[in-house]
N, C-alpha and C. Protein backbone atom coordinates (compact mmCIF):
# COMPACT_ATOMS: atom_id res chain seq x y z
N UNK A 1 18.31 155.90 125.93
CA UNK A 1 17.76 155.32 124.72
C UNK A 1 16.46 155.26 124.01
N UNK A 2 16.39 155.71 122.95
CA UNK A 2 14.95 156.15 122.04
C UNK A 2 14.52 154.58 121.21
N UNK A 3 13.52 154.84 121.64
CA UNK A 3 12.73 153.34 121.06
C UNK A 3 12.22 153.79 119.49
N UNK A 4 12.92 152.13 118.63
CA UNK A 4 12.60 152.81 117.27
C UNK A 4 11.61 152.14 117.15
N UNK A 5 10.35 152.66 115.93
CA UNK A 5 9.40 152.11 115.78
C UNK A 5 9.12 150.94 115.14
N UNK A 6 10.19 150.52 114.17
CA UNK A 6 9.83 149.79 113.29
C UNK A 6 10.88 148.39 113.87
N UNK A 7 11.91 148.69 114.95
CA UNK A 7 11.66 147.43 115.92
C UNK A 7 12.21 147.35 117.33
N UNK A 8 10.72 147.98 117.48
CA UNK A 8 10.67 148.15 118.95
C UNK A 8 11.19 147.14 119.85
N UNK A 9 11.50 147.64 121.12
CA UNK A 9 11.92 146.19 121.84
C UNK A 9 10.80 146.28 123.12
N UNK A 10 11.18 145.01 124.15
CA UNK A 10 9.94 145.25 124.86
C UNK A 10 10.45 146.12 126.26
N UNK A 11 9.59 146.81 126.71
CA UNK A 11 10.14 147.63 127.76
C UNK A 11 9.12 147.06 128.87
N UNK A 12 10.56 147.44 129.97
CA UNK A 12 10.14 146.67 131.62
C UNK A 12 10.01 147.71 132.26
N UNK A 13 9.25 148.15 133.22
CA UNK A 13 9.12 149.15 133.97
C UNK A 13 9.22 148.44 135.21
N UNK A 14 10.13 148.82 136.31
CA UNK A 14 9.91 148.22 137.51
C UNK A 14 10.35 149.83 138.56
N UNK A 15 10.30 148.95 139.57
CA UNK A 15 10.66 149.89 140.88
C UNK A 15 12.08 150.35 141.14
N UNK A 16 12.48 151.56 140.86
CA UNK A 16 13.78 151.55 140.56
C UNK A 16 14.30 151.85 142.17
N UNK A 17 13.46 151.79 143.37
CA UNK A 17 14.18 151.89 145.07
C UNK A 17 14.13 150.48 145.20
N UNK A 18 13.94 149.45 144.30
CA UNK A 18 13.15 148.23 145.28
C UNK A 18 14.73 147.24 145.39
N UNK A 19 14.93 146.93 146.20
CA UNK A 19 16.25 145.69 145.91
C UNK A 19 16.24 144.54 144.87
N UNK A 20 14.62 143.87 145.62
CA UNK A 20 14.37 143.21 144.69
C UNK A 20 14.32 143.16 142.96
N UNK A 21 13.39 144.16 143.13
CA UNK A 21 13.36 144.88 141.43
C UNK A 21 14.78 144.96 140.39
N UNK A 22 15.89 145.66 141.30
CA UNK A 22 16.69 145.84 140.82
C UNK A 22 17.64 144.59 140.69
N UNK A 23 17.64 143.43 142.11
CA UNK A 23 18.06 142.28 140.96
C UNK A 23 17.36 141.33 140.35
N UNK A 24 16.18 141.74 140.43
CA UNK A 24 15.59 140.78 139.14
C UNK A 24 15.88 141.67 137.53
N UNK A 25 16.25 142.91 137.55
CA UNK A 25 16.31 144.13 136.49
C UNK A 25 18.03 143.10 136.23
N UNK A 26 18.91 143.10 136.85
CA UNK A 26 19.98 142.63 136.79
C UNK A 26 20.00 141.30 136.14
N UNK A 27 19.25 140.48 136.86
CA UNK A 27 19.04 139.12 136.14
C UNK A 27 18.27 138.99 134.76
N UNK A 28 17.91 139.84 134.34
CA UNK A 28 16.67 139.95 133.21
C UNK A 28 17.64 140.08 132.25
N UNK A 29 18.90 141.21 132.30
CA UNK A 29 20.11 141.96 131.91
C UNK A 29 21.44 140.54 131.19
N UNK A 30 21.02 139.36 132.75
CA UNK A 30 22.08 138.46 132.74
C UNK A 30 21.30 137.35 131.50
N UNK A 31 20.04 137.37 131.10
CA UNK A 31 19.78 135.85 130.94
C UNK A 31 19.04 137.16 129.27
N UNK A 32 19.13 137.69 129.13
CA UNK A 32 18.29 138.73 127.73
C UNK A 32 19.89 138.55 126.82
N UNK A 33 19.97 137.65 126.17
CA UNK A 33 20.92 137.49 125.68
C UNK A 33 20.00 138.09 123.83
N UNK A 34 19.30 138.50 123.16
CA UNK A 34 19.16 138.57 122.20
C UNK A 34 18.82 140.25 122.59
N UNK A 35 18.86 140.85 123.79
CA UNK A 35 19.01 142.23 124.02
C UNK A 35 17.28 142.66 123.40
N UNK A 36 16.41 142.20 123.56
CA UNK A 36 15.19 142.20 123.52
C UNK A 36 14.65 143.23 124.75
N UNK A 37 14.92 143.84 125.53
CA UNK A 37 14.17 143.96 126.48
C UNK A 37 15.27 145.28 126.65
N UNK A 38 14.22 147.29 127.20
CA UNK A 38 14.59 148.06 127.95
C UNK A 38 14.23 148.39 128.96
N UNK A 39 14.72 149.09 130.13
CA UNK A 39 14.06 148.89 130.80
C UNK A 39 13.82 151.39 131.56
N UNK A 40 12.92 150.31 132.22
CA UNK A 40 12.71 152.24 133.22
C UNK A 40 12.18 151.95 134.55
N UNK A 41 12.66 152.58 135.47
CA UNK A 41 12.10 153.09 136.47
C UNK A 41 11.06 153.45 136.07
N UNK A 42 9.99 152.47 137.26
CA UNK A 42 8.51 153.26 137.43
C UNK A 42 8.97 155.07 137.63
N UNK A 43 9.85 155.06 138.90
CA UNK A 43 9.78 157.13 139.54
C UNK A 43 10.46 158.17 138.24
N UNK A 44 10.58 157.43 137.18
CA UNK A 44 10.99 158.24 135.38
C UNK A 44 9.94 158.83 135.52
N UNK A 45 9.99 160.06 134.51
CA UNK A 45 9.11 160.60 133.76
C UNK A 45 8.65 159.77 132.50
N UNK A 46 9.66 159.27 132.03
CA UNK A 46 9.68 158.55 131.21
C UNK A 46 8.53 157.06 131.08
N UNK A 47 9.21 156.63 132.13
CA UNK A 47 8.03 155.37 132.27
C UNK A 47 6.12 155.97 132.32
N UNK A 48 6.35 157.50 133.76
CA UNK A 48 4.80 157.57 133.42
C UNK A 48 4.58 158.24 132.83
N UNK A 49 4.92 158.64 131.19
CA UNK A 49 4.39 158.89 129.83
C UNK A 49 3.46 157.66 129.41
N UNK A 50 4.99 156.63 129.17
CA UNK A 50 4.41 155.25 128.71
C UNK A 50 3.16 154.85 129.83
N UNK A 51 3.40 154.81 131.09
CA UNK A 51 1.78 154.34 132.11
C UNK A 51 0.70 154.94 131.36
N UNK A 52 0.58 156.50 130.95
CA UNK A 52 -0.42 157.12 130.77
C UNK A 52 -0.94 156.97 129.15
N UNK A 53 0.36 156.14 128.55
CA UNK A 53 -0.19 156.18 127.65
C UNK A 53 -1.00 154.74 127.16
N UNK A 54 -0.50 153.80 128.20
CA UNK A 54 -1.26 152.69 127.80
C UNK A 54 -2.38 152.63 128.76
N UNK A 55 -2.71 153.51 129.14
CA UNK A 55 -3.79 153.75 130.67
C UNK A 55 -3.88 152.61 131.52
N UNK A 56 -2.17 152.30 132.10
CA UNK A 56 -2.49 152.25 133.72
C UNK A 56 -2.10 153.09 134.69
N UNK A 57 -2.75 152.97 135.80
CA UNK A 57 -2.41 153.60 136.79
C UNK A 57 -0.76 153.15 137.40
N UNK A 58 -0.42 154.47 137.65
CA UNK A 58 1.11 153.69 138.31
C UNK A 58 0.93 153.39 139.32
N UNK A 59 2.41 152.36 139.98
CA UNK A 59 2.34 151.67 141.23
C UNK A 59 3.56 151.03 140.59
N UNK A 60 3.39 151.39 142.04
CA UNK A 60 5.22 150.68 142.60
C UNK A 60 5.33 149.54 143.27
N UNK A 61 3.91 148.52 143.03
CA UNK A 61 3.58 147.62 143.81
C UNK A 61 4.35 146.41 142.30
N UNK A 62 4.05 146.69 141.21
CA UNK A 62 4.27 145.77 140.46
C UNK A 62 5.29 145.93 139.34
N UNK A 63 5.85 144.92 138.29
CA UNK A 63 6.87 145.31 137.20
C UNK A 63 5.81 145.47 135.43
N UNK A 64 5.73 146.11 135.40
CA UNK A 64 4.27 146.62 133.75
C UNK A 64 5.97 145.77 132.89
N UNK A 65 5.29 145.52 131.91
CA UNK A 65 5.48 144.78 130.82
C UNK A 65 4.96 145.12 129.23
N UNK A 66 6.12 146.32 128.52
CA UNK A 66 5.08 146.74 127.40
C UNK A 66 6.05 146.02 126.66
N UNK A 67 5.02 145.27 125.63
CA UNK A 67 5.31 144.14 124.32
C UNK A 67 4.52 144.56 122.89
N UNK A 68 5.18 145.88 122.07
CA UNK A 68 4.15 145.84 120.82
C UNK A 68 3.27 146.55 121.42
N UNK A 69 1.41 146.53 121.17
CA UNK A 69 0.70 147.28 121.97
C UNK A 69 -0.15 146.63 122.55
N UNK A 70 0.54 146.05 123.11
CA UNK A 70 -0.19 144.95 124.76
C UNK A 70 0.68 145.56 125.66
N UNK A 71 0.08 145.81 127.00
CA UNK A 71 1.31 145.34 128.16
C UNK A 71 0.54 144.22 129.54
N UNK A 72 1.47 144.23 129.77
CA UNK A 72 1.17 143.03 130.91
C UNK A 72 1.68 143.71 132.79
N UNK A 73 0.93 143.15 133.49
CA UNK A 73 0.91 143.52 134.86
C UNK A 73 1.36 142.08 135.89
N UNK A 74 2.21 142.84 136.79
CA UNK A 74 1.80 141.24 137.76
C UNK A 74 2.62 140.05 137.52
N UNK A 75 1.60 138.83 137.39
CA UNK A 75 2.43 137.54 136.92
C UNK A 75 2.64 137.23 135.32
N UNK A 76 1.12 138.21 134.91
CA UNK A 76 1.55 138.25 133.45
C UNK A 76 2.70 139.02 133.09
N UNK A 77 3.35 139.57 133.55
CA UNK A 77 4.50 140.19 133.12
C UNK A 77 6.04 139.48 133.71
N UNK A 78 5.78 138.61 134.40
CA UNK A 78 7.07 137.74 134.95
C UNK A 78 7.08 136.96 133.85
N UNK A 79 6.30 136.12 133.87
CA UNK A 79 5.85 135.27 133.23
C UNK A 79 6.50 135.19 131.32
N UNK A 80 5.75 136.56 131.10
CA UNK A 80 6.29 137.08 129.11
C UNK A 80 7.84 137.51 129.43
N UNK A 81 8.27 137.92 130.55
CA UNK A 81 9.85 138.41 130.71
C UNK A 81 10.33 137.06 130.80
N UNK A 82 9.65 135.87 131.13
CA UNK A 82 10.60 134.65 131.12
C UNK A 82 10.75 134.15 129.66
N UNK A 83 9.45 134.02 129.46
CA UNK A 83 9.58 133.29 128.07
C UNK A 83 10.68 133.97 127.04
N UNK A 84 10.49 134.84 127.40
CA UNK A 84 11.93 135.70 126.09
C UNK A 84 13.20 136.13 126.88
N UNK A 85 13.79 135.05 128.04
CA UNK A 85 14.78 134.70 128.58
C UNK A 85 15.21 133.39 127.23
N UNK A 86 16.90 133.30 127.46
CA UNK A 86 17.72 132.81 127.44
C UNK A 86 17.60 131.79 128.11
N UNK A 87 18.61 130.33 127.65
CA UNK A 87 18.40 129.03 129.16
C UNK A 87 17.06 128.78 129.05
N UNK A 88 17.13 128.06 130.24
CA UNK A 88 15.76 126.76 131.22
C UNK A 88 14.59 128.01 131.01
N UNK A 89 15.01 129.07 131.08
CA UNK A 89 13.81 130.39 131.28
C UNK A 89 12.39 130.16 130.92
N UNK A 90 12.68 129.85 129.75
CA UNK A 90 11.16 130.48 129.19
C UNK A 90 10.19 128.90 129.16
N UNK A 91 10.75 128.18 129.93
CA UNK A 91 9.85 126.71 130.25
C UNK A 91 9.33 127.70 132.20
N UNK A 92 9.11 128.41 132.17
CA UNK A 92 8.80 128.57 133.93
C UNK A 92 7.50 129.35 133.24
N UNK A 93 7.25 129.71 131.67
CA UNK A 93 5.76 130.13 131.10
C UNK A 93 4.65 129.09 131.54
N UNK A 94 5.10 128.28 131.46
CA UNK A 94 4.49 126.52 131.75
C UNK A 94 3.80 127.29 133.43
N UNK A 95 4.04 128.16 134.53
CA UNK A 95 3.17 128.37 134.76
C UNK A 95 2.08 129.01 134.84
N UNK A 96 2.02 129.37 133.36
CA UNK A 96 0.53 130.11 132.70
C UNK A 96 -0.33 129.60 133.32
N UNK A 97 -0.44 128.14 133.38
CA UNK A 97 -1.55 127.02 133.45
C UNK A 97 -2.46 127.33 134.71
N UNK A 98 -1.44 128.15 135.92
CA UNK A 98 -2.23 128.49 137.09
C UNK A 98 -3.22 130.03 136.74
N UNK A 99 -4.32 129.75 137.11
CA UNK A 99 -4.70 130.96 137.01
C UNK A 99 -4.64 132.14 137.65
N UNK A 100 -4.67 133.38 136.82
CA UNK A 100 -3.74 134.24 136.91
C UNK A 100 -4.14 134.85 138.34
N UNK A 101 -5.73 134.84 139.23
CA UNK A 101 -6.06 134.76 140.51
C UNK A 101 -5.02 134.70 141.31
N UNK A 102 -4.83 133.33 141.56
CA UNK A 102 -3.42 133.01 142.02
C UNK A 102 -2.27 133.42 141.98
N UNK A 103 -1.88 133.05 140.57
CA UNK A 103 -0.76 134.00 140.57
C UNK A 103 -0.40 134.80 141.68
N UNK A 104 -1.38 135.99 140.59
CA UNK A 104 -1.25 137.40 141.46
C UNK A 104 -1.71 137.40 142.94
N UNK A 105 -2.16 136.51 143.45
CA UNK A 105 -2.40 136.54 145.23
C UNK A 105 -1.19 136.43 145.56
N UNK A 106 0.26 135.87 145.33
CA UNK A 106 1.60 135.60 145.04
C UNK A 106 2.28 136.61 144.93
N UNK A 107 2.29 137.37 143.27
CA UNK A 107 2.99 138.72 143.24
C UNK A 107 2.69 139.81 144.35
N UNK A 108 1.13 139.66 144.79
CA UNK A 108 1.20 141.00 145.96
C UNK A 108 1.63 141.18 146.81
N UNK A 109 1.51 139.31 147.28
CA UNK A 109 2.11 139.25 148.60
C UNK A 109 3.68 139.56 148.86
N UNK A 110 4.49 138.79 147.68
CA UNK A 110 5.91 139.80 147.69
C UNK A 110 5.79 141.03 147.30
N UNK A 111 5.27 141.65 146.56
CA UNK A 111 5.04 142.99 146.06
C UNK A 111 4.80 143.66 147.63
N UNK A 112 4.23 143.16 149.13
CA UNK A 112 3.48 143.84 149.93
C UNK A 112 4.76 144.14 150.78
N UNK A 113 5.48 142.58 150.67
CA UNK A 113 7.11 142.03 151.53
C UNK A 113 7.93 142.45 151.41
N UNK A 114 8.38 143.11 150.14
CA UNK A 114 9.62 143.26 149.18
C UNK A 114 10.64 143.95 149.96
N UNK A 115 10.01 144.87 150.50
CA UNK A 115 10.83 146.09 151.14
C UNK A 115 11.59 145.88 152.57
N UNK A 116 10.53 144.72 153.35
CA UNK A 116 10.40 144.48 154.85
C UNK A 116 11.80 142.87 154.92
N UNK A 117 11.54 142.26 153.51
CA UNK A 117 12.55 140.96 153.28
C UNK A 117 13.96 141.61 152.49
N UNK A 118 14.17 142.73 152.03
CA UNK A 118 15.18 142.86 151.36
C UNK A 118 15.54 144.03 150.97
N UNK A 119 14.91 145.42 151.43
CA UNK A 119 14.77 146.46 151.62
C UNK A 119 15.09 147.18 150.40
N UNK A 120 15.04 148.61 150.81
CA UNK A 120 14.77 149.22 149.53
C UNK A 120 16.66 150.25 149.42
N UNK A 121 16.64 150.50 148.05
CA UNK A 121 17.41 151.81 147.72
C UNK A 121 17.57 152.95 147.94
N UNK A 122 18.67 153.73 147.69
CA UNK A 122 18.66 154.90 147.55
C UNK A 122 18.97 155.28 146.10
N UNK A 123 19.74 154.57 145.40
CA UNK A 123 19.71 154.55 143.75
C UNK A 123 19.40 153.39 142.73
N UNK A 124 19.27 153.85 141.75
CA UNK A 124 19.08 152.82 140.70
C UNK A 124 19.46 151.99 139.92
N UNK A 125 19.43 150.98 139.53
CA UNK A 125 20.20 149.57 139.07
C UNK A 125 20.85 150.79 137.78
N UNK A 126 20.07 151.50 136.95
CA UNK A 126 20.68 152.22 136.31
C UNK A 126 21.63 153.37 135.60
N UNK A 127 21.80 153.64 137.41
CA UNK A 127 22.81 154.17 137.37
C UNK A 127 24.32 153.46 137.27
N UNK A 128 24.73 152.26 136.89
CA UNK A 128 26.10 151.67 136.98
C UNK A 128 25.95 151.96 135.09
N UNK A 129 27.25 152.38 135.18
CA UNK A 129 27.27 153.15 133.69
C UNK A 129 27.79 151.73 132.66
N UNK A 130 27.73 150.47 132.82
CA UNK A 130 27.63 149.03 131.95
C UNK A 130 26.42 148.99 131.17
N UNK A 131 25.42 149.61 132.16
CA UNK A 131 24.04 148.84 132.25
C UNK A 131 23.22 150.03 131.00
N UNK A 132 23.82 151.63 131.36
CA UNK A 132 23.31 152.77 131.03
C UNK A 132 22.47 152.52 129.67
N UNK A 133 22.69 152.06 128.88
CA UNK A 133 22.35 151.41 127.41
C UNK A 133 20.90 150.57 127.17
N UNK A 134 20.69 149.94 128.22
CA UNK A 134 19.77 149.70 128.42
C UNK A 134 18.24 149.78 129.21
N UNK A 135 18.81 151.11 129.08
CA UNK A 135 17.76 152.03 130.42
C UNK A 135 16.94 153.21 129.11
N UNK A 136 15.94 153.42 129.22
CA UNK A 136 15.12 154.50 128.39
C UNK A 136 15.44 155.88 129.67
N UNK A 137 15.82 157.13 128.86
CA UNK A 137 16.12 158.21 129.28
C UNK A 137 14.94 158.87 129.26
C-alpha cells in the first residue's frame, strides 16, 4: 500500500514476530471500521525508513503510531489508537489522565514479558492474504 499525502492514513509500526502484537493488530483491524490505520512490521524496510524519517531509534519494545506530522510511542500510541477505533474503545483514552511515566511503566513491563507470556511467532500477521491490503510494503 502506498501512502497518499492528501489523505494520509495513520501508520502503526509493530513487532511482527510477537504474538501479542499480532493479536493487537488483528484487534485493531477488526475495530478500525473507517480504515484509518495501515500497518508495518518493525522488522520491515519500510518501517525502518519511517523510523529514520521521524528520528526514532528502532525498538521492538514498543508500538509506534505515526499520525500526520506527529508520532506516538508506548502507552501514548496505544491510547491514540484506541481513540480512533469504533465501538466503546475511544473511552479508553480517558486513561490519558494517568501520568505517562506510570502508564509507560506498565507498557515496559508488558513489553519485557510478552514473549514469555504469549510467545513469539516465525511469521507476521500480514502474511494473511485477506489482511495484506492493510499493510505497507
